[in-house]
Amino acid sequence: MRPDGYKVKNADPMYMLIPHFLTRRYDAMNMTTLEIPVEPMKAYINAKRREGVQLSHVGLVLAAFVRTVAEFPLLNRFIGGKKVYQHKDITVSMVVLRPGGGDVMSKLYFEPEDDVFEVQKKIDEFVDDNRVNEDQLLDKAMKILLHIPGLMGFAIGVLRFMDRHGLLPNSLVKVSPFHASLLISNLASIRGNAIFHHVYDFGTTSIALTMGTQKEEPKRGPGGAVGFERCIPMGVVMDERICNGLYFSQAFSRFKSYLADPAKLEGKPDFEVLTMKQASELS
């Protein structure tokens, strides 16, 4: 039994068979672009700032993701060893830039009931910890592998085998940024454009999302007049083997609706939240 997922037994037969045809995550990548209007997010962030509450665009995006996954739990599935699994938790991998150069990639843990304030608190603590803590377990492990001649190739091969068969120890899975519900990269922080970031074949991450530099998008208004709306472009890459296109479409439509009205991210969800164990039993 994997330490990071519940085996799904009731999925549509097609989705039980697809991993045997599309055996690699990069074989099953679907891609889309989301254009998220900035003004609703900006207005909400400014209103909360006047109340003494500091929020960020990344905080709103991750809060919307957590709330969406709580409502559409099939987004939190992954393929391991040609089998379908439900993640046991909601985790997000993210790169943190360190003062003076360099970066570290680690991951955050969320609960399905987390609201925007709890999500922002966890992000702030995560960033502070990773900027000052240079003794990450994963960093140590990689340094050891790099300094032992001939060990790297053998060790990576063993890790891939163990990952494929769900044999990685939980202590390693907990710190591995490759084992997460979502990979997010805020390229706007380095003035970069949104890209389609690949989903890693190693690990369990089924969705990758990048945020790019804000840009103006044409929008048709009343009377057919065309104006421009400032948006955050997002490149999204998904493993199509975890759920069907309609489910993805509905989920990302809800994701966009949360960012169009971030106040909906306050407080507990107004729908029944399933545990990940219960979600693994959904068809």
C-alpha atoms as a PDB file:
ATOM      1  CA  MET A   1       0.000   0.000   0.000  1.00  0.00           C
ATOM      2  CA  ARG A   2       1.368   3.420  -0.961  1.00  0.00           C
ATOM      3  CA  PRO A   3       2.062   5.835   1.914  1.00  0.00           C
ATOM      4  CA  ASP A   4       0.756   8.779  -0.130  1.00  0.00           C
ATOM      5  CA  GLY A   5      -2.431   7.537  -1.773  1.00  0.00           C
ATOM      6  CA  TYR A   6      -5.557   5.403  -1.580  1.00  0.00           C
ATOM      7  CA  LYS A   7      -6.070   2.973  -4.444  1.00  0.00           C
ATOM      8  CA  VAL A   8      -9.154   3.863  -6.500  1.00  0.00           C
ATOM      9  CA  LYS A   9     -11.322   0.839  -7.249  1.00  0.00           C
ATOM     10  CA  ASN A  10     -14.557   2.353  -8.560  1.00  0.00           C
ATOM     11  CA  ALA A  11     -13.310   4.563 -11.395  1.00  0.00           C
ATOM     12  CA  ASP A  12     -14.849   4.327 -14.846  1.00  0.00           C
ATOM     13  CA  PRO A  13     -13.376   1.217 -16.563  1.00  0.00           C
ATOM     14  CA  MET A  14     -11.889   3.418 -19.282  1.00  0.00           C
ATOM     15  CA  TYR A  15      -9.837   5.271 -16.664  1.00  0.00           C
ATOM     16  CA  MET A  16      -8.647   1.998 -15.187  1.00  0.00           C
ATOM     17  CA  LEU A  17      -7.431   0.924 -18.646  1.00  0.00           C
ATOM     18  CA  ILE A  18      -5.898   4.184 -19.930  1.00  0.00           C
ATOM     19  CA  PRO A  19      -2.726   3.925 -17.770  1.00  0.00           C
ATOM     20  CA  HIS A  20      -1.925   0.665 -19.560  1.00  0.00           C
ATOM     21  CA  PHE A  21      -2.012   2.455 -22.937  1.00  0.00           C
ATOM     22  CA  LEU A  22      -0.566   5.805 -21.866  1.00  0.00           C
ATOM     23  CA  THR A  23       2.131   4.581 -19.523  1.00  0.00           C
ATOM     24  CA  ARG A  24       3.978   7.883 -19.067  1.00  0.00           C
ATOM     25  CA  ARG A  25       2.637  11.095 -17.592  1.00  0.00           C
ATOM     26  CA  TYR A  26       4.069  13.118 -20.457  1.00  0.00           C
ATOM     27  CA  ASP A  27       2.118  10.894 -22.894  1.00  0.00           C
ATOM     28  CA  ALA A  28      -1.104  12.037 -21.253  1.00  0.00           C
ATOM     29  CA  MET A  29      -0.541  15.785 -20.960  1.00  0.00           C
ATOM     30  CA  ASN A  30      -3.417  18.115 -21.820  1.00  0.00           C
ATOM     31  CA  MET A  31      -2.780  21.854 -21.804  1.00  0.00           C
ATOM     32  CA  THR A  32      -4.891  24.966 -21.527  1.00  0.00           C
ATOM     33  CA  THR A  33      -4.543  28.665 -20.797  1.00  0.00           C
ATOM     34  CA  LEU A  34      -6.615  30.521 -18.208  1.00  0.00           C
ATOM     35  CA  GLU A  35      -6.936  34.302 -18.361  1.00  0.00           C
ATOM     36  CA  ILE A  36      -7.804  35.511 -14.856  1.00  0.00           C
ATOM     37  CA  PRO A  37      -9.024  39.135 -14.546  1.00  0.00           C
ATOM     38  CA  VAL A  38      -6.830  41.072 -12.140  1.00  0.00           C
ATOM     39  CA  GLU A  39      -9.291  43.734 -10.962  1.00  0.00           C
ATOM     40  CA  PRO A  40     -11.457  41.554  -8.677  1.00  0.00           C
ATOM     41  CA  MET A  41      -8.343  40.124  -7.025  1.00  0.00           C
ATOM     42  CA  LYS A  42      -6.712  43.539  -6.705  1.00  0.00           C
ATOM     43  CA  ALA A  43      -9.846  45.110  -5.207  1.00  0.00           C
ATOM     44  CA  TYR A  44     -10.191  42.296  -2.681  1.00  0.00           C
ATOM     45  CA  ILE A  45      -6.509  42.417  -1.677  1.00  0.00           C
ATOM     46  CA  ASN A  46      -6.678  46.224  -1.223  1.00  0.00           C
ATOM     47  CA  ALA A  47      -9.888  45.977   0.820  1.00  0.00           C
ATOM     48  CA  LYS A  48      -8.316  43.417   3.149  1.00  0.00           C
ATOM     49  CA  ARG A  49      -5.140  45.487   3.416  1.00  0.00           C
ATOM     50  CA  ARG A  50      -7.232  48.380   4.742  1.00  0.00           C
ATOM     51  CA  GLU A  51      -8.494  45.940   7.395  1.00  0.00           C
ATOM     52  CA  GLY A  52      -4.905  45.077   8.319  1.00  0.00           C
ATOM     53  CA  VAL A  53      -4.888  41.720   6.530  1.00  0.00           C
ATOM     54  CA  GLN A  54      -2.091  41.041   4.047  1.00  0.00           C
ATOM     55  CA  LEU A  55      -2.927  38.769   1.124  1.00  0.00           C
ATOM     56  CA  SER A  56      -1.110  37.983  -2.128  1.00  0.00           C
ATOM     57  CA  HIS A  57      -2.137  36.949  -5.615  1.00  0.00           C
ATOM     58  CA  VAL A  58      -0.488  33.564  -5.058  1.00  0.00           C
ATOM     59  CA  GLY A  59      -2.443  33.225  -1.818  1.00  0.00           C
ATOM     60  CA  LEU A  60      -5.725  33.783  -3.650  1.00  0.00           C
ATOM     61  CA  VAL A  61      -4.781  31.364  -6.427  1.00  0.00           C
ATOM     62  CA  LEU A  62      -3.840  28.581  -4.010  1.00  0.00           C
ATOM     63  CA  ALA A  63      -6.916  29.219  -1.863  1.00  0.00           C
ATOM     64  CA  ALA A  64      -9.034  28.877  -5.014  1.00  0.00           C
ATOM     65  CA  PHE A  65      -7.215  25.661  -5.900  1.00  0.00           C
ATOM     66  CA  VAL A  66      -7.717  24.158  -2.439  1.00  0.00           C
ATOM     67  CA  ARG A  67     -11.420  25.079  -2.453  1.00  0.00           C
ATOM     68  CA  THR A  68     -11.803  23.654  -5.982  1.00  0.00           C
ATOM     69  CA  VAL A  69     -10.117  20.379  -5.042  1.00  0.00           C
ATOM     70  CA  ALA A  70     -12.390  20.114  -1.999  1.00  0.00           C
ATOM     71  CA  GLU A  71     -15.386  20.314  -4.351  1.00  0.00           C
ATOM     72  CA  PHE A  72     -13.846  18.367  -7.257  1.00  0.00           C
ATOM     73  CA  PRO A  73     -11.684  15.761  -5.484  1.00  0.00           C
ATOM     74  CA  LEU A  74     -10.884  13.780  -8.629  1.00  0.00           C
ATOM     75  CA  LEU A  75      -8.398  16.566  -9.421  1.00  0.00           C
ATOM     76  CA  ASN A  76      -6.416  15.153  -6.518  1.00  0.00           C
ATOM     77  CA  ARG A  77      -5.730  11.809  -8.157  1.00  0.00           C
ATOM     78  CA  PHE A  78      -2.582  10.398  -9.710  1.00  0.00           C
ATOM     79  CA  ILE A  79      -1.349   7.378 -11.617  1.00  0.00           C
ATOM     80  CA  GLY A  80       1.206   5.091  -9.985  1.00  0.00           C
ATOM     81  CA  GLY A  81       2.317   1.765 -11.423  1.00  0.00           C
ATOM     82  CA  LYS A  82      -0.540   1.883 -13.980  1.00  0.00           C
ATOM     83  CA  LYS A  83      -3.074   2.162 -11.172  1.00  0.00           C
ATOM     84  CA  VAL A  84      -5.274   5.101 -10.149  1.00  0.00           C
ATOM     85  CA  TYR A  85      -4.792   6.588  -6.681  1.00  0.00           C
ATOM     86  CA  GLN A  86      -6.324   9.364  -4.623  1.00  0.00           C
ATOM     87  CA  HIS A  87      -3.845  11.578  -2.786  1.00  0.00           C
ATOM     88  CA  LYS A  88      -4.185  11.279   0.975  1.00  0.00           C
ATOM     89  CA  ASP A  89      -3.733  15.037   1.374  1.00  0.00           C
ATOM     90  CA  ILE A  90      -3.647  18.281  -0.595  1.00  0.00           C
ATOM     91  CA  THR A  91      -0.082  19.396  -1.228  1.00  0.00           C
ATOM     92  CA  VAL A  92       1.459  22.073  -3.449  1.00  0.00           C
ATOM     93  CA  SER A  93       5.064  22.199  -4.651  1.00  0.00           C
ATOM     94  CA  MET A  94       6.562  25.659  -5.058  1.00  0.00           C
ATOM     95  CA  VAL A  95       9.977  27.226  -5.566  1.00  0.00           C
ATOM     96  CA  VAL A  96      11.169  29.789  -3.016  1.00  0.00           C
ATOM     97  CA  LEU A  97      13.918  32.241  -3.980  1.00  0.00           C
ATOM     98  CA  ARG A  98      16.552  32.673  -1.290  1.00  0.00           C
ATOM     99  CA  PRO A  99      18.204  35.997  -0.428  1.00  0.00           C
ATOM    100  CA  GLY A 100      21.515  36.366  -2.206  1.00  0.00           C
ATOM    101  CA  GLY A 101      20.647  33.916  -4.961  1.00  0.00           C
ATOM    102  CA  GLY A 102      19.646  30.306  -5.262  1.00  0.00           C
ATOM    103  CA  ASP A 103      16.315  28.696  -4.627  1.00  0.00           C
ATOM    104  CA  VAL A 104      14.711  25.721  -2.981  1.00  0.00           C
ATOM    105  CA  MET A 105      11.726  23.656  -4.101  1.00  0.00           C
ATOM    106  CA  SER A 106       9.554  22.307  -1.338  1.00  0.00           C
ATOM    107  CA  LYS A 107       5.836  21.798  -0.677  1.00  0.00           C
ATOM    108  CA  LEU A 108       2.957  23.054   1.410  1.00  0.00           C
ATOM    109  CA  TYR A 109       0.260  21.007   3.107  1.00  0.00           C
ATOM    110  CA  PHE A 110      -3.370  22.131   3.110  1.00  0.00           C
ATOM    111  CA  GLU A 111      -6.663  20.885   4.489  1.00  0.00           C
ATOM    112  CA  PRO A 112      -9.806  20.839   2.302  1.00  0.00           C
ATOM    113  CA  GLU A 113     -11.517  23.221   4.760  1.00  0.00           C
ATOM    114  CA  ASP A 114      -8.725  25.842   4.687  1.00  0.00           C
ATOM    115  CA  ASP A 115      -9.965  29.304   3.745  1.00  0.00           C
ATOM    116  CA  VAL A 116      -8.001  32.103   2.122  1.00  0.00           C
ATOM    117  CA  PHE A 117      -6.624  33.407   5.425  1.00  0.00           C
ATOM    118  CA  GLU A 118      -5.352  30.010   6.548  1.00  0.00           C
ATOM    119  CA  VAL A 119      -3.845  29.387   3.102  1.00  0.00           C
ATOM    120  CA  GLN A 120      -2.008  32.738   3.170  1.00  0.00           C
ATOM    121  CA  LYS A 121      -0.734  32.026   6.687  1.00  0.00           C
ATOM    122  CA  LYS A 122       0.690  28.686   5.568  1.00  0.00           C
ATOM    123  CA  ILE A 123       2.317  30.283   2.512  1.00  0.00           C
ATOM    124  CA  ASP A 124       3.977  33.003   4.623  1.00  0.00           C
ATOM    125  CA  GLU A 125       5.309  30.442   7.103  1.00  0.00           C
ATOM    126  CA  PHE A 126       6.479  28.216   4.249  1.00  0.00           C
ATOM    127  CA  VAL A 127       8.377  31.034   2.528  1.00  0.00           C
ATOM    128  CA  ASP A 128       9.994  32.258   5.760  1.00  0.00           C
ATOM    129  CA  ASP A 129      11.078  28.742   6.719  1.00  0.00           C
ATOM    130  CA  ASN A 130      12.541  27.849   3.335  1.00  0.00           C
ATOM    131  CA  ARG A 131      14.425  31.132   2.950  1.00  0.00           C
ATOM    132  CA  VAL A 132      16.376  30.634   6.163  1.00  0.00           C
ATOM    133  CA  ASN A 133      16.499  26.854   6.495  1.00  0.00           C
ATOM    134  CA  GLU A 134      19.302  25.480   4.355  1.00  0.00           C
ATOM    135  CA  ASP A 135      19.220  22.030   5.883  1.00  0.00           C
ATOM    136  CA  GLN A 136      16.316  20.522   3.965  1.00  0.00           C
ATOM    137  CA  LEU A 137      16.338  16.721   4.026  1.00  0.00           C
ATOM    138  CA  LEU A 138      15.968  16.560   0.240  1.00  0.00           C
ATOM    139  CA  ASP A 139      18.910  18.946  -0.250  1.00  0.00           C
ATOM    140  CA  LYS A 140      21.076  16.778   1.994  1.00  0.00           C
ATOM    141  CA  ALA A 141      20.123  13.600   0.148  1.00  0.00           C
ATOM    142  CA  MET A 142      20.946  15.122  -3.252  1.00  0.00           C
ATOM    143  CA  LYS A 143      24.331  16.407  -2.034  1.00  0.00           C
ATOM    144  CA  ILE A 144      25.238  12.935  -0.780  1.00  0.00           C
ATOM    145  CA  LEU A 145      24.311  11.345  -4.113  1.00  0.00           C
ATOM    146  CA  LEU A 146      26.297  13.918  -6.071  1.00  0.00           C
ATOM    147  CA  HIS A 147      29.457  13.375  -4.052  1.00  0.00           C
ATOM    148  CA  ILE A 148      29.645   9.586  -4.320  1.00  0.00           C
ATOM    149  CA  PRO A 149      31.087   8.550  -7.726  1.00  0.00           C
ATOM    150  CA  GLY A 150      28.891   6.136  -9.656  1.00  0.00           C
ATOM    151  CA  LEU A 151      26.094   6.214  -7.103  1.00  0.00           C
ATOM    152  CA  MET A 152      23.804   8.743  -8.779  1.00  0.00           C
ATOM    153  CA  GLY A 153      22.622   6.657 -11.741  1.00  0.00           C
ATOM    154  CA  PHE A 154      22.105   3.532  -9.636  1.00  0.00           C
ATOM    155  CA  ALA A 155      20.310   5.413  -6.859  1.00  0.00           C
ATOM    156  CA  ILE A 156      17.962   7.226  -9.261  1.00  0.00           C
ATOM    157  CA  GLY A 157      17.116   3.917 -10.899  1.00  0.00           C
ATOM    158  CA  VAL A 158      16.272   2.411  -7.513  1.00  0.00           C
ATOM    159  CA  LEU A 159      14.168   5.442  -6.570  1.00  0.00           C
ATOM    160  CA  ARG A 160      12.227   5.243  -9.831  1.00  0.00           C
ATOM    161  CA  PHE A 161      11.537   1.561  -9.281  1.00  0.00           C
ATOM    162  CA  MET A 162      10.410   2.183  -5.710  1.00  0.00           C
ATOM    163  CA  ASP A 163       8.224   5.105  -6.793  1.00  0.00           C
ATOM    164  CA  ARG A 164       6.591   3.054  -9.552  1.00  0.00           C
ATOM    165  CA  HIS A 165       5.676   0.326  -7.069  1.00  0.00           C
ATOM    166  CA  GLY A 166       4.743   2.590  -4.157  1.00  0.00           C
ATOM    167  CA  LEU A 167       7.726   1.546  -2.067  1.00  0.00           C
ATOM    168  CA  LEU A 168       9.248   4.935  -1.277  1.00  0.00           C
ATOM    169  CA  PRO A 169       9.403   5.546   2.486  1.00  0.00           C
ATOM    170  CA  ASN A 170       6.925   8.107   3.787  1.00  0.00           C
ATOM    171  CA  SER A 171       9.780  10.207   5.199  1.00  0.00           C
ATOM    172  CA  LEU A 172      11.048  10.796   1.648  1.00  0.00           C
ATOM    173  CA  VAL A 173       7.590  11.293   0.116  1.00  0.00           C
ATOM    174  CA  LYS A 174       6.819  13.984   2.708  1.00  0.00           C
ATOM    175  CA  VAL A 175       9.714  16.179   1.560  1.00  0.00           C
ATOM    176  CA  SER A 176       9.709  15.305  -2.148  1.00  0.00           C
ATOM    177  CA  PRO A 177       8.376  18.182  -4.308  1.00  0.00           C
ATOM    178  CA  PHE A 178       7.668  15.603  -7.026  1.00  0.00           C
ATOM    179  CA  HIS A 179       4.936  14.016  -4.895  1.00  0.00           C
ATOM    180  CA  ALA A 180       2.205  16.643  -4.703  1.00  0.00           C
ATOM    181  CA  SER A 181      -1.298  17.537  -5.836  1.00  0.00           C
ATOM    182  CA  LEU A 182      -0.093  20.608  -7.741  1.00  0.00           C
ATOM    183  CA  LEU A 183       3.099  22.199  -8.979  1.00  0.00           C
ATOM    184  CA  ILE A 184       2.818  25.991  -9.097  1.00  0.00           C
ATOM    185  CA  SER A 185       5.341  28.474 -10.437  1.00  0.00           C
ATOM    186  CA  ASN A 186       4.874  32.240 -10.259  1.00  0.00           C
ATOM    187  CA  LEU A 187       6.934  33.380 -13.230  1.00  0.00           C
ATOM    188  CA  ALA A 188       5.549  36.893 -12.830  1.00  0.00           C
ATOM    189  CA  SER A 189       7.953  37.251  -9.897  1.00  0.00           C
ATOM    190  CA  ILE A 190      10.828  37.181 -12.412  1.00  0.00           C
ATOM    191  CA  ARG A 191       8.827  39.059 -15.076  1.00  0.00           C
ATOM    192  CA  GLY A 192       8.345  35.908 -17.104  1.00  0.00           C
ATOM    193  CA  ASN A 193       5.466  34.817 -19.290  1.00  0.00           C
ATOM    194  CA  ALA A 194       3.194  31.919 -18.392  1.00  0.00           C
ATOM    195  CA  ILE A 195       4.461  28.637 -19.821  1.00  0.00           C
ATOM    196  CA  PHE A 196       3.171  25.085 -20.063  1.00  0.00           C
ATOM    197  CA  HIS A 197       5.273  23.372 -17.407  1.00  0.00           C
ATOM    198  CA  HIS A 198       5.592  19.624 -17.931  1.00  0.00           C
ATOM    199  CA  VAL A 199       4.233  17.234 -15.328  1.00  0.00           C
ATOM    200  CA  TYR A 200       7.046  15.068 -13.967  1.00  0.00           C
ATOM    201  CA  ASP A 201       7.043  11.389 -14.857  1.00  0.00           C
ATOM    202  CA  PHE A 202       8.675  10.728 -11.488  1.00  0.00           C
ATOM    203  CA  GLY A 203       6.392  11.264  -8.520  1.00  0.00           C
ATOM    204  CA  THR A 204       2.655  11.857  -8.326  1.00  0.00           C
ATOM    205  CA  THR A 205       1.973  15.416  -9.510  1.00  0.00           C
ATOM    206  CA  SER A 206      -0.880  15.411 -12.039  1.00  0.00           C
ATOM    207  CA  ILE A 207      -1.334  19.187 -12.497  1.00  0.00           C
ATOM    208  CA  ALA A 208       1.169  21.968 -13.145  1.00  0.00           C
ATOM    209  CA  LEU A 209       0.194  25.655 -13.165  1.00  0.00           C
ATOM    210  CA  THR A 210       2.302  28.689 -13.973  1.00  0.00           C
ATOM    211  CA  MET A 211       1.392  32.333 -13.456  1.00  0.00           C
ATOM    212  CA  GLY A 212       2.802  34.839 -15.920  1.00  0.00           C
ATOM    213  CA  THR A 213       3.241  38.600 -16.100  1.00  0.00           C
ATOM    214  CA  GLN A 214      -0.029  40.510 -16.299  1.00  0.00           C
ATOM    215  CA  LYS A 215      -1.196  41.514 -19.775  1.00  0.00           C
ATOM    216  CA  GLU A 216      -4.105  43.218 -21.518  1.00  0.00           C
ATOM    217  CA  GLU A 217      -6.698  40.957 -23.116  1.00  0.00           C
ATOM    218  CA  PRO A 218      -9.405  42.162 -25.559  1.00  0.00           C
ATOM    219  CA  LYS A 219     -12.947  41.951 -24.208  1.00  0.00           C
ATOM    220  CA  ARG A 220     -16.207  42.712 -26.005  1.00  0.00           C
ATOM    221  CA  GLY A 221     -18.408  45.053 -24.003  1.00  0.00           C
ATOM    222  CA  PRO A 222     -21.933  46.496 -24.324  1.00  0.00           C
ATOM    223  CA  GLY A 223     -22.929  47.366 -27.872  1.00  0.00           C
ATOM    224  CA  GLY A 224     -20.157  45.233 -29.282  1.00  0.00           C
ATOM    225  CA  ALA A 225     -17.408  47.694 -28.356  1.00  0.00           C
ATOM    226  CA  VAL A 226     -14.047  46.049 -27.732  1.00  0.00           C
ATOM    227  CA  GLY A 227     -12.067  47.115 -24.701  1.00  0.00           C
ATOM    228  CA  PHE A 228      -9.127  45.653 -22.820  1.00  0.00           C
ATOM    229  CA  GLU A 229      -9.032  43.857 -19.481  1.00  0.00           C
ATOM    230  CA  ARG A 230      -5.891  43.307 -17.433  1.00  0.00           C
ATOM    231  CA  CYS A 231      -5.424  39.595 -16.728  1.00  0.00           C
ATOM    232  CA  ILE A 232      -3.024  37.128 -15.154  1.00  0.00           C
ATOM    233  CA  PRO A 233      -2.292  34.441 -17.765  1.00  0.00           C
ATOM    234  CA  MET A 234      -1.960  30.922 -16.401  1.00  0.00           C
ATOM    235  CA  GLY A 235      -0.599  27.923 -18.237  1.00  0.00           C
ATOM    236  CA  VAL A 236      -2.098  24.668 -16.982  1.00  0.00           C
ATOM    237  CA  VAL A 237      -0.895  21.146 -17.792  1.00  0.00           C
ATOM    238  CA  MET A 238      -2.962  18.143 -16.677  1.00  0.00           C
ATOM    239  CA  ASP A 239      -2.624  14.386 -16.702  1.00  0.00           C
ATOM    240  CA  GLU A 240      -5.755  13.433 -18.651  1.00  0.00           C
ATOM    241  CA  ARG A 241      -5.794   9.955 -17.076  1.00  0.00           C
ATOM    242  CA  ILE A 242      -7.180  11.112 -13.713  1.00  0.00           C
ATOM    243  CA  CYS A 243     -10.600  12.344 -14.903  1.00  0.00           C
ATOM    244  CA  ASN A 244     -12.507  13.278 -18.039  1.00  0.00           C
ATOM    245  CA  GLY A 245     -12.504  16.559 -19.941  1.00  0.00           C
ATOM    246  CA  LEU A 246     -15.933  17.644 -18.716  1.00  0.00           C
ATOM    247  CA  TYR A 247     -14.833  17.251 -15.103  1.00  0.00           C
ATOM    248  CA  PHE A 248     -11.681  19.294 -15.741  1.00  0.00           C
ATOM    249  CA  SER A 249     -13.728  21.972 -17.494  1.00  0.00           C
ATOM    250  CA  GLN A 250     -16.253  22.243 -14.660  1.00  0.00           C
ATOM    251  CA  ALA A 251     -13.497  22.309 -12.044  1.00  0.00           C
ATOM    252  CA  PHE A 252     -11.533  25.106 -13.701  1.00  0.00           C
ATOM    253  CA  SER A 253     -14.715  27.062 -14.325  1.00  0.00           C
ATOM    254  CA  ARG A 254     -15.324  26.957 -10.566  1.00  0.00           C
ATOM    255  CA  PHE A 255     -11.656  27.869  -9.936  1.00  0.00           C
ATOM    256  CA  LYS A 256     -12.091  30.990 -12.102  1.00  0.00           C
ATOM    257  CA  SER A 257     -15.356  31.898 -10.336  1.00  0.00           C
ATOM    258  CA  TYR A 258     -13.570  31.938  -6.981  1.00  0.00           C
ATOM    259  CA  LEU A 259     -10.946  34.346  -8.302  1.00  0.00           C
ATOM    260  CA  ALA A 260     -13.678  36.523  -9.817  1.00  0.00           C
ATOM    261  CA  ASP A 261     -15.152  36.879  -6.306  1.00  0.00           C
ATOM    262  CA  PRO A 262     -12.448  36.034  -3.721  1.00  0.00           C
ATOM    263  CA  ALA A 263     -14.809  36.719  -0.805  1.00  0.00           C
ATOM    264  CA  LYS A 264     -16.211  33.241  -1.554  1.00  0.00           C
ATOM    265  CA  LEU A 265     -12.911  31.858  -0.257  1.00  0.00           C
ATOM    266  CA  GLU A 266     -13.551  33.118   3.272  1.00  0.00           C
ATOM    267  CA  GLY A 267     -14.760  30.702   5.931  1.00  0.00           C
ATOM    268  CA  LYS A 268     -15.608  27.038   5.573  1.00  0.00           C
ATOM    269  CA  PRO A 269     -16.887  25.624   2.252  1.00  0.00           C
ATOM    270  CA  ASP A 270     -20.668  25.785   1.791  1.00  0.00           C
ATOM    271  CA  PHE A 271     -20.735  22.221   0.449  1.00  0.00           C
ATOM    272  CA  GLU A 272     -20.057  18.818   1.963  1.00  0.00           C
ATOM    273  CA  VAL A 273     -16.331  18.121   2.066  1.00  0.00           C
ATOM    274  CA  LEU A 274     -15.330  14.501   1.599  1.00  0.00           C
ATOM    275  CA  THR A 275     -12.239  13.008   3.150  1.00  0.00           C
ATOM    276  CA  MET A 276      -9.651  11.822   0.637  1.00  0.00           C
ATOM    277  CA  LYS A 277     -10.496   8.254   1.661  1.00  0.00           C
ATOM    278  CA  GLN A 278     -14.158   8.864   0.756  1.00  0.00           C
ATOM    279  CA  ALA A 279     -13.115  10.581  -2.483  1.00  0.00           C
ATOM    280  CA  SER A 280     -11.140   7.473  -3.494  1.00  0.00           C
ATOM    281  CA  GLU A 281     -14.424   5.568  -3.561  1.00  0.00           C
ATOM    282  CA  LEU A 282     -16.062   7.897  -6.090  1.00  0.00           C
ATOM    283  CA  SER A 283     -16.578   6.573  -9.599  1.00  0.00           C
END
